[in-house]
Amino acid sequence: MVEVGFPFFHLVKRAVAMAAGAFLLAAPQPALAQGPASPTWPDGANIRVIVPFPGGASTLDSVVRVLTPEINRYLGSPVIVDNKPGAGTVIGVDATAKAADNLTFGGVANSYTVNHTLVKTLPYHSTRDLQPVVLMARTANVLAVRPGLPFNNVADLVAWAKKNPGKLSYGSFGNGTTAHFAGEMLKQMAGIYMVHIPYRGQGPAMTDLLAGNIDLMFGNLPDFLPHIRSGKLKALGTTYLTRAPLAPEIPTVAEQGYPKFETDSWYGLVAPAGMPRELVQKMNTLVNRALQEPAVRKNLGERGIEIVGGTSAKFGEHIQAEIAKYAQIVKSANMQID
């Protein structure tokens, strides 16, 4: 009889254990629990930026169209500009608010914060249904008058208006636009009365101003400057608190006796409230990167458009401040649009 010693038994036990281990490794294993993947855009997906103005008819449209090719280049995916004008930008902003594809952003300007108070029946809520992405750029406005009028500064305009109440007309590119509110601000601060003539866009209003059919208007400085420098219009003041870099020779309205008079035209990007925060942050990063491209800076700078950029939180603070500012003007001027 052969006695089986301990060493042999130990080797057999070890072999069995190794075989069992190999079997377990070969058997299907349950998947390890993982956290949710970060949301992203599908490869080749079309990202859409809705602009609530006609194509080529606004500075906002220009800014978006300068930036989107750069974003397209970074992503390798198409970025499409979709113009949806109408109802004082309400149609385009509403389309942005209701988009549920996580691919849609919306361009907005001052009218976005004006309409929050001015329009009683908005189909969206400005701060609950949309979220800020980035403030892209801004431009100064200028108070321009037709050459035949007998004043060359704001003080003379106010004095003439007080002697001739209701005889001056000021144009705007629509009810609730920056041009409209700038006119109302001047009326309130100076204690004068002027007749408001709204147009469907800055272009038609400027055409009538050049033709002498209206007396004055506030408009985007880059667009008015060629007519001012050619003598077809007179500039009485710009609307930053400090002189505009594009035309430092023009005094501000603020330095002419109205130190709190400040307005500008700004251009931002918003997203539907339901878009994941990661995608909002991704677009914020892409826009800020595009704003620093030398070609973009040159393109916008030559047109007097100032680059802003920054965080979405900073843009959110700007939106809240603008809503409060315009709400005060709406209330004091008893303005309302159904």
Protein backbone atom coordinates (compact mmCIF):
# COMPACT_ATOMS: atom_id res chain seq x y z
CA MET A 1 0.00 0.00 0.00
CA VAL A 2 1.32 3.36 -1.00
CA GLU A 3 0.85 6.09 1.52
CA VAL A 4 -0.07 9.48 0.08
CA GLY A 5 1.93 12.11 1.88
CA PHE A 6 1.05 15.73 2.58
CA PRO A 7 3.09 17.25 -0.27
CA PHE A 8 1.22 15.28 -2.92
CA PHE A 9 -2.19 16.17 -1.44
CA HIS A 10 -1.19 19.86 -1.34
CA LEU A 11 -0.25 19.83 -5.00
CA VAL A 12 -3.57 18.25 -6.01
CA LYS A 13 -5.55 20.79 -3.96
CA ARG A 14 -3.61 23.62 -5.54
CA ALA A 15 -4.28 22.30 -9.05
CA VAL A 16 -8.02 22.04 -8.36
CA ALA A 17 -8.09 25.60 -7.04
CA MET A 18 -6.25 26.89 -10.09
CA ALA A 19 -8.65 25.08 -12.43
CA ALA A 20 -11.65 26.52 -10.62
CA GLY A 21 -10.14 29.99 -10.82
CA ALA A 22 -9.58 29.62 -14.55
CA PHE A 23 -13.20 28.54 -14.99
CA LEU A 24 -14.44 31.60 -13.09
CA LEU A 25 -12.30 33.91 -15.18
CA ALA A 26 -13.64 32.35 -18.37
CA ALA A 27 -17.27 32.59 -17.29
CA PRO A 28 -19.29 35.72 -18.17
CA GLN A 29 -18.91 38.38 -15.47
CA PRO A 30 -21.60 40.87 -14.44
CA ALA A 31 -20.95 44.45 -15.69
CA LEU A 32 -19.42 46.79 -13.18
CA ALA A 33 -21.72 49.57 -12.07
CA GLN A 34 -20.81 52.88 -13.76
CA GLY A 35 -22.06 56.43 -13.41
CA PRO A 36 -24.08 58.06 -16.20
CA ALA A 37 -22.03 59.06 -19.23
CA SER A 38 -21.57 62.80 -19.80
CA PRO A 39 -24.01 64.03 -22.47
CA THR A 40 -22.48 64.90 -25.80
CA TRP A 41 -23.57 65.71 -29.33
CA PRO A 42 -23.75 62.79 -31.79
CA ASP A 43 -21.03 62.76 -34.45
CA GLY A 44 -22.15 64.73 -37.49
CA ALA A 45 -25.23 66.17 -35.74
CA ASN A 46 -26.41 69.57 -36.96
CA ILE A 47 -26.20 72.16 -34.20
CA ARG A 48 -28.67 74.97 -34.83
CA VAL A 49 -28.50 78.61 -33.77
CA ILE A 50 -31.84 80.41 -34.12
CA VAL A 51 -31.51 84.13 -34.82
CA PRO A 52 -34.79 86.03 -34.23
CA PHE A 53 -34.02 88.61 -36.95
CA PRO A 54 -33.95 88.41 -40.76
CA GLY A 55 -30.71 87.17 -42.29
CA GLY A 56 -28.20 89.96 -42.81
CA ALA A 57 -30.47 92.54 -41.16
CA SER A 58 -28.99 92.76 -37.66
CA THR A 59 -25.67 92.93 -35.87
CA LEU A 60 -26.69 89.82 -33.90
CA ASP A 61 -26.97 87.89 -37.17
CA SER A 62 -23.53 89.15 -38.22
CA VAL A 63 -21.91 88.14 -34.93
CA VAL A 64 -23.42 84.64 -35.04
CA ARG A 65 -22.35 84.14 -38.66
CA VAL A 66 -18.78 85.17 -37.87
CA LEU A 67 -18.56 82.71 -34.97
CA THR A 68 -20.34 79.64 -36.33
CA PRO A 69 -17.68 78.64 -38.93
CA GLU A 70 -15.09 78.58 -36.14
CA ILE A 71 -17.30 76.41 -33.93
CA ASN A 72 -17.96 74.17 -36.93
CA ARG A 73 -14.21 73.81 -37.42
CA TYR A 74 -13.65 72.87 -33.77
CA LEU A 75 -16.43 70.29 -33.71
CA GLY A 76 -16.16 68.93 -37.23
CA SER A 77 -19.97 69.10 -37.34
CA PRO A 78 -22.26 71.53 -39.15
CA VAL A 79 -23.47 74.59 -37.23
CA ILE A 80 -26.52 76.01 -38.99
CA VAL A 81 -27.90 79.56 -38.59
CA ASP A 82 -31.71 79.50 -38.69
CA ASN A 83 -33.35 82.93 -39.04
CA LYS A 84 -36.82 83.09 -37.48
CA PRO A 85 -37.84 86.77 -37.36
CA GLY A 86 -41.14 88.22 -36.24
CA ALA A 87 -43.15 89.60 -33.32
CA GLY A 88 -40.26 91.65 -31.96
CA THR A 89 -38.02 88.52 -31.71
CA VAL A 90 -40.69 86.56 -29.77
CA ILE A 91 -41.12 83.94 -32.53
CA GLY A 92 -37.44 83.02 -32.69
CA VAL A 93 -36.89 83.03 -28.93
CA ASP A 94 -40.00 80.89 -28.42
CA ALA A 95 -38.69 78.35 -30.95
CA THR A 96 -35.46 78.16 -28.96
CA ALA A 97 -37.28 77.73 -25.65
CA LYS A 98 -39.38 74.85 -27.01
CA ALA A 99 -36.55 72.95 -28.75
CA ALA A 100 -36.00 69.59 -27.05
CA ASP A 101 -33.24 68.09 -29.21
CA ASN A 102 -30.26 69.35 -27.16
CA LEU A 103 -28.88 70.71 -30.44
CA THR A 104 -30.60 74.11 -30.54
CA PHE A 105 -29.32 77.44 -29.23
CA GLY A 106 -30.73 80.91 -29.71
CA GLY A 107 -29.20 84.30 -30.36
CA VAL A 108 -30.68 87.11 -28.29
CA ALA A 109 -30.24 90.86 -27.93
CA ASN A 110 -31.65 93.60 -25.70
CA SER A 111 -35.18 92.88 -26.88
CA TYR A 112 -35.01 89.56 -25.02
CA THR A 113 -34.89 91.37 -21.68
CA VAL A 114 -37.20 94.18 -22.81
CA ASN A 115 -39.96 91.76 -23.84
CA HIS A 116 -39.93 90.13 -20.40
CA THR A 117 -41.82 93.17 -19.08
CA LEU A 118 -43.12 94.86 -22.22
CA VAL A 119 -45.06 91.94 -23.74
CA LYS A 120 -47.93 90.79 -21.53
CA THR A 121 -48.53 87.42 -23.19
CA LEU A 122 -45.11 85.92 -23.91
CA PRO A 123 -45.40 82.23 -24.89
CA TYR A 124 -42.29 81.48 -22.80
CA HIS A 125 -40.78 82.67 -19.54
CA SER A 126 -37.48 84.46 -20.14
CA THR A 127 -35.60 83.01 -17.16
CA ARG A 128 -37.44 79.75 -16.42
CA ASP A 129 -37.67 78.36 -19.96
CA LEU A 130 -34.23 79.44 -21.14
CA GLN A 131 -30.74 79.46 -19.66
CA PRO A 132 -27.80 81.76 -20.42
CA VAL A 133 -24.84 80.45 -22.41
CA VAL A 134 -22.57 83.42 -23.13
CA LEU A 135 -22.61 87.16 -23.78
CA MET A 136 -20.77 87.39 -27.08
CA ALA A 137 -20.39 91.08 -27.94
CA ARG A 138 -21.82 94.56 -27.73
CA THR A 139 -21.86 97.87 -29.63
CA ALA A 140 -22.38 101.47 -28.65
CA ASN A 141 -25.42 103.39 -29.85
CA VAL A 142 -25.39 106.92 -31.17
CA LEU A 143 -27.97 109.72 -31.17
CA ALA A 144 -28.09 110.95 -34.77
CA VAL A 145 -30.19 113.79 -36.23
CA ARG A 146 -30.86 115.06 -39.72
CA PRO A 147 -28.54 117.92 -40.72
CA GLY A 148 -31.27 120.55 -41.18
CA LEU A 149 -32.12 120.75 -37.48
CA PRO A 150 -30.81 123.80 -35.57
CA PHE A 151 -28.83 121.99 -32.87
CA ASN A 152 -25.45 120.30 -32.61
CA ASN A 153 -25.47 118.90 -29.07
CA VAL A 154 -27.83 117.35 -26.56
CA ALA A 155 -28.38 120.54 -24.56
CA ASP A 156 -29.53 122.42 -27.66
CA LEU A 157 -31.83 119.55 -28.65
CA VAL A 158 -33.45 119.54 -25.20
CA ALA A 159 -33.87 123.32 -25.18
CA TRP A 160 -35.47 123.26 -28.64
CA ALA A 161 -37.76 120.35 -27.72
CA LYS A 162 -38.98 122.17 -24.60
CA LYS A 163 -39.89 125.21 -26.68
CA ASN A 164 -41.53 123.03 -29.35
CA PRO A 165 -43.19 120.10 -27.50
CA GLY A 166 -44.27 117.25 -29.76
CA LYS A 167 -42.66 118.70 -32.89
CA LEU A 168 -39.69 116.35 -32.90
CA SER A 169 -40.08 112.77 -34.10
CA TYR A 170 -37.70 109.98 -33.25
CA GLY A 171 -37.53 106.70 -35.10
CA SER A 172 -36.73 103.24 -33.84
CA PHE A 173 -36.36 99.79 -35.35
CA GLY A 174 -39.51 98.61 -33.59
CA ASN A 175 -41.43 98.82 -30.34
CA GLY A 176 -39.32 97.55 -27.46
CA THR A 177 -35.98 97.85 -29.28
CA THR A 178 -32.95 99.60 -27.84
CA ALA A 179 -33.62 102.60 -30.09
CA HIS A 180 -37.14 102.91 -28.64
CA PHE A 181 -35.96 102.66 -25.06
CA ALA A 182 -33.08 105.06 -25.56
CA GLY A 183 -35.56 107.63 -26.87
CA GLU A 184 -37.83 107.07 -23.88
CA MET A 185 -34.88 107.39 -21.49
CA LEU A 186 -33.92 110.74 -22.99
CA LYS A 187 -37.53 111.95 -22.80
CA GLN A 188 -37.76 111.03 -19.13
CA MET A 189 -34.37 112.36 -18.05
CA ALA A 190 -34.69 115.62 -19.98
CA GLY A 191 -38.39 116.18 -19.39
CA ILE A 192 -39.25 116.56 -23.07
CA TYR A 193 -41.87 115.11 -25.38
CA MET A 194 -41.05 113.60 -28.77
CA VAL A 195 -43.24 111.49 -31.05
CA HIS A 196 -42.10 107.88 -31.45
CA ILE A 197 -42.19 106.40 -34.98
CA PRO A 198 -41.50 102.63 -34.96
CA TYR A 199 -40.17 100.86 -38.05
CA ARG A 200 -39.64 97.22 -38.94
CA GLY A 201 -35.89 97.22 -38.57
CA GLN A 202 -33.04 99.70 -38.34
CA GLY A 203 -32.59 99.87 -42.12
CA PRO A 204 -36.00 101.39 -42.94
CA ALA A 205 -35.72 103.80 -40.01
CA MET A 206 -32.28 104.97 -41.11
CA THR A 207 -33.52 105.43 -44.68
CA ASP A 208 -36.29 107.73 -43.49
CA LEU A 209 -33.87 109.64 -41.24
CA LEU A 210 -31.52 110.18 -44.18
CA ALA A 211 -34.47 111.32 -46.28
CA GLY A 212 -35.55 113.79 -43.60
CA ASN A 213 -38.88 112.08 -42.91
CA ILE A 214 -38.05 111.77 -39.20
CA ASP A 215 -35.87 114.04 -37.09
CA LEU A 216 -33.63 111.80 -35.05
CA MET A 217 -33.01 108.32 -33.74
CA PHE A 218 -30.68 106.20 -31.66
CA GLY A 219 -28.96 103.47 -33.66
CA ASN A 220 -25.97 101.15 -33.71
CA LEU A 221 -22.86 103.31 -33.99
CA PRO A 222 -21.04 101.11 -36.55
CA ASP A 223 -23.97 101.35 -38.96
CA PHE A 224 -24.47 105.11 -38.58
CA LEU A 225 -20.84 106.20 -38.55
CA PRO A 226 -20.30 106.30 -42.35
CA HIS A 227 -23.30 108.63 -42.74
CA ILE A 228 -22.09 110.78 -39.84
CA ARG A 229 -18.59 111.12 -41.24
CA SER A 230 -19.93 111.92 -44.71
CA GLY A 231 -22.07 114.74 -43.29
CA LYS A 232 -25.41 113.15 -44.14
CA LEU A 233 -26.24 112.91 -40.43
CA LYS A 234 -25.14 114.77 -37.30
CA ALA A 235 -24.05 112.86 -34.20
CA LEU A 236 -25.07 114.46 -30.91
CA GLY A 237 -23.77 111.78 -28.54
CA THR A 238 -22.88 108.15 -27.99
CA THR A 239 -24.46 106.04 -25.28
CA TYR A 240 -21.67 104.43 -23.27
CA LEU A 241 -20.66 106.18 -20.04
CA THR A 242 -17.24 106.63 -21.63
CA ARG A 243 -16.48 107.55 -25.22
CA ALA A 244 -16.81 104.77 -27.76
CA PRO A 245 -13.44 103.45 -29.02
CA LEU A 246 -14.77 103.45 -32.57
CA ALA A 247 -15.53 107.21 -32.50
CA PRO A 248 -13.79 108.89 -29.56
CA GLU A 249 -14.39 112.30 -31.14
CA ILE A 250 -18.13 112.05 -30.41
CA PRO A 251 -19.03 113.07 -26.82
CA THR A 252 -21.30 110.84 -24.77
CA VAL A 253 -24.83 111.80 -23.78
CA ALA A 254 -23.69 111.18 -20.19
CA GLU A 255 -21.04 113.91 -20.30
CA GLN A 256 -23.57 116.39 -21.67
CA GLY A 257 -25.59 116.66 -18.49
CA TYR A 258 -27.10 113.18 -18.12
CA PRO A 259 -24.51 111.18 -16.16
CA LYS A 260 -26.74 108.10 -15.75
CA PHE A 261 -27.67 107.85 -19.42
CA GLU A 262 -26.24 104.57 -20.63
CA THR A 263 -27.43 102.06 -23.17
CA ASP A 264 -25.85 99.70 -25.64
CA SER A 265 -26.76 96.89 -27.99
CA TRP A 266 -25.59 93.48 -26.79
CA TYR A 267 -25.64 90.04 -28.36
CA GLY A 268 -25.79 86.77 -26.44
CA LEU A 269 -26.54 83.08 -26.74
CA VAL A 270 -29.16 81.16 -24.74
CA ALA A 271 -30.30 77.54 -24.61
CA PRO A 272 -33.52 75.74 -23.63
CA ALA A 273 -33.79 75.24 -19.87
CA GLY A 274 -33.78 71.46 -20.30
CA MET A 275 -30.43 71.27 -22.07
CA PRO A 276 -27.85 69.42 -19.91
CA ARG A 277 -25.46 71.71 -18.14
CA GLU A 278 -22.45 69.95 -19.69
CA LEU A 279 -23.60 70.90 -23.19
CA VAL A 280 -24.22 74.50 -22.18
CA GLN A 281 -20.72 74.67 -20.72
CA LYS A 282 -19.27 73.07 -23.85
CA MET A 283 -20.85 75.71 -26.09
CA ASN A 284 -19.71 78.46 -23.74
CA THR A 285 -16.14 77.17 -24.07
CA LEU A 286 -16.39 76.94 -27.85
CA VAL A 287 -17.75 80.49 -28.23
CA ASN A 288 -15.13 81.96 -25.91
CA ARG A 289 -12.44 80.16 -27.90
CA ALA A 290 -13.85 81.46 -31.20
CA LEU A 291 -13.99 85.02 -29.85
CA GLN A 292 -10.21 84.91 -29.36
CA GLU A 293 -9.42 83.85 -32.92
CA PRO A 294 -7.39 86.65 -34.60
CA ALA A 295 -9.59 86.61 -37.71
CA VAL A 296 -12.75 86.93 -35.60
CA ARG A 297 -11.31 89.77 -33.51
CA LYS A 298 -10.25 91.60 -36.66
CA ASN A 299 -13.61 91.07 -38.40
CA LEU A 300 -15.69 92.30 -35.47
CA GLY A 301 -13.27 95.01 -34.40
CA GLU A 302 -13.26 96.65 -37.82
CA ARG A 303 -17.03 96.98 -37.55
CA GLY A 304 -16.95 98.51 -34.09
CA ILE A 305 -18.27 95.39 -32.39
CA GLU A 306 -16.67 94.86 -28.98
CA ILE A 307 -15.92 91.29 -27.90
CA VAL A 308 -17.19 90.36 -24.44
CA GLY A 309 -17.23 86.60 -23.69
CA GLY A 310 -17.13 85.19 -20.16
CA THR A 311 -19.07 82.64 -18.13
CA SER A 312 -22.71 81.70 -18.45
CA ALA A 313 -23.23 82.82 -14.84
CA LYS A 314 -21.93 86.29 -15.69
CA PHE A 315 -24.32 86.48 -18.63
CA GLY A 316 -27.14 85.41 -16.32
CA GLU A 317 -26.34 88.33 -14.02
CA HIS A 318 -26.36 90.67 -17.01
CA ILE A 319 -29.78 89.40 -18.11
CA GLN A 320 -31.26 89.99 -14.64
CA ALA A 321 -29.82 93.51 -14.50
CA GLU A 322 -31.18 94.33 -17.96
CA ILE A 323 -34.64 92.99 -17.10
CA ALA A 324 -34.72 95.25 -14.03
CA LYS A 325 -33.49 98.28 -15.98
CA TYR A 326 -36.01 97.97 -18.77
CA ALA A 327 -38.86 97.11 -16.41
CA GLN A 328 -38.39 100.48 -14.74
CA ILE A 329 -38.56 102.29 -18.09
CA VAL A 330 -41.63 100.30 -19.18
CA LYS A 331 -43.43 101.17 -15.96
CA SER A 332 -42.54 104.87 -15.87
CA ALA A 333 -43.37 105.37 -19.56
CA ASN A 334 -46.55 103.23 -19.28
CA MET A 335 -45.45 101.14 -22.25
CA GLN A 336 -47.25 97.91 -23.13
CA ILE A 337 -47.57 95.46 -25.99
CA ASP A 338 -50.19 92.70 -25.94
